[in-house]
Amino acid sequence: MAGMIRRMQRQDLVDLGADKRIRITKQGLEGGKDIARRHRLTEWLMVKLLGMDLHQAHRL
């Protein structure tokens, strides 16, 4: 876990404060929003266009 936090710090996705709290940066928030958006679009494609069940789409 600590290695992942350090990697995310190097990528400017999170800041680790002096109080050891992890805070998401603006860049991290935007990246997270982008990932969530792509996930929802992929989900929509699989369910609406390919006719998959939502649970089936999530298993893939």
C-alpha atoms as a PDB file:
ATOM      1  CA  MET A   1       0.000   0.000   0.000  1.00  0.00           C
ATOM      2  CA  ALA A   2       2.773   2.446   0.866  1.00  0.00           C
ATOM      3  CA  GLY A   3       4.413   1.799  -2.501  1.00  0.00           C
ATOM      4  CA  MET A   4       1.181   2.587  -4.292  1.00  0.00           C
ATOM      5  CA  ILE A   5       0.810   5.864  -2.374  1.00  0.00           C
ATOM      6  CA  ARG A   6       4.394   6.845  -3.251  1.00  0.00           C
ATOM      7  CA  ARG A   7       3.752   6.071  -6.923  1.00  0.00           C
ATOM      8  CA  MET A   8       0.574   8.158  -6.856  1.00  0.00           C
ATOM      9  CA  GLN A   9       2.524  11.012  -5.232  1.00  0.00           C
ATOM     10  CA  ARG A  10       5.140  10.887  -8.005  1.00  0.00           C
ATOM     11  CA  GLN A  11       2.326  11.085 -10.546  1.00  0.00           C
ATOM     12  CA  ASP A  12       0.841  14.087  -8.679  1.00  0.00           C
ATOM     13  CA  LEU A  13      -2.394  12.216  -7.991  1.00  0.00           C
ATOM     14  CA  VAL A  14      -2.270  12.508  -4.188  1.00  0.00           C
ATOM     15  CA  ASP A  15      -0.511  14.539  -1.511  1.00  0.00           C
ATOM     16  CA  LEU A  16       0.580  13.097   1.805  1.00  0.00           C
ATOM     17  CA  GLY A  17       0.320  15.752   4.470  1.00  0.00           C
ATOM     18  CA  ALA A  18       2.499  16.168   7.556  1.00  0.00           C
ATOM     19  CA  ASP A  19      -0.417  14.689   9.503  1.00  0.00           C
ATOM     20  CA  LYS A  20      -0.128  11.546   7.297  1.00  0.00           C
ATOM     21  CA  ARG A  21      -3.514  12.164   5.687  1.00  0.00           C
ATOM     22  CA  ILE A  22      -3.767  11.338   2.018  1.00  0.00           C
ATOM     23  CA  ARG A  23      -5.414  14.042  -0.056  1.00  0.00           C
ATOM     24  CA  ILE A  24      -6.376  13.711  -3.686  1.00  0.00           C
ATOM     25  CA  THR A  25      -4.998  16.424  -5.951  1.00  0.00           C
ATOM     26  CA  LYS A  26      -6.921  18.229  -8.669  1.00  0.00           C
ATOM     27  CA  GLN A  27      -5.118  16.065 -11.228  1.00  0.00           C
ATOM     28  CA  GLY A  28      -6.020  12.939  -9.242  1.00  0.00           C
ATOM     29  CA  LEU A  29      -9.666  13.950  -9.060  1.00  0.00           C
ATOM     30  CA  GLU A  30      -9.836  14.619 -12.794  1.00  0.00           C
ATOM     31  CA  GLY A  31      -8.146  11.287 -13.521  1.00  0.00           C
ATOM     32  CA  GLY A  32     -10.604   9.485 -11.266  1.00  0.00           C
ATOM     33  CA  LYS A  33     -13.544  11.155 -12.981  1.00  0.00           C
ATOM     34  CA  ASP A  34     -12.156  10.106 -16.366  1.00  0.00           C
ATOM     35  CA  ILE A  35     -11.780   6.487 -15.255  1.00  0.00           C
ATOM     36  CA  ALA A  36     -15.329   6.434 -13.840  1.00  0.00           C
ATOM     37  CA  ARG A  37     -16.696   7.939 -17.064  1.00  0.00           C
ATOM     38  CA  ARG A  38     -14.936   5.357 -19.240  1.00  0.00           C
ATOM     39  CA  HIS A  39     -16.210   2.582 -16.955  1.00  0.00           C
ATOM     40  CA  ARG A  40     -19.813   3.804 -17.289  1.00  0.00           C
ATOM     41  CA  LEU A  41     -19.490   4.134 -21.069  1.00  0.00           C
ATOM     42  CA  THR A  42     -18.081   0.622 -21.375  1.00  0.00           C
ATOM     43  CA  GLU A  43     -20.864  -0.671 -19.140  1.00  0.00           C
ATOM     44  CA  TRP A  44     -23.474   1.069 -21.316  1.00  0.00           C
ATOM     45  CA  LEU A  45     -21.944  -0.387 -24.487  1.00  0.00           C
ATOM     46  CA  MET A  46     -21.973  -3.916 -23.111  1.00  0.00           C
ATOM     47  CA  VAL A  47     -25.529  -3.722 -21.766  1.00  0.00           C
ATOM     48  CA  LYS A  48     -27.326  -1.588 -24.360  1.00  0.00           C
ATOM     49  CA  LEU A  49     -25.534  -2.461 -27.583  1.00  0.00           C
ATOM     50  CA  LEU A  50     -24.296  -5.989 -26.920  1.00  0.00           C
ATOM     51  CA  GLY A  51     -27.347  -7.050 -24.887  1.00  0.00           C
ATOM     52  CA  MET A  52     -25.410  -8.305 -21.887  1.00  0.00           C
ATOM     53  CA  ASP A  53     -26.866  -8.512 -18.422  1.00  0.00           C
ATOM     54  CA  LEU A  54     -25.388  -5.827 -16.138  1.00  0.00           C
ATOM     55  CA  HIS A  55     -23.968  -8.453 -13.758  1.00  0.00           C
ATOM     56  CA  GLN A  56     -22.416 -10.324 -16.675  1.00  0.00           C
ATOM     57  CA  ALA A  57     -20.805  -7.111 -17.931  1.00  0.00           C
ATOM     58  CA  HIS A  58     -19.297  -6.477 -14.479  1.00  0.00           C
ATOM     59  CA  ARG A  59     -17.760  -9.943 -14.328  1.00  0.00           C
ATOM     60  CA  LEU A  60     -15.787  -9.194 -17.483  1.00  0.00           C
END
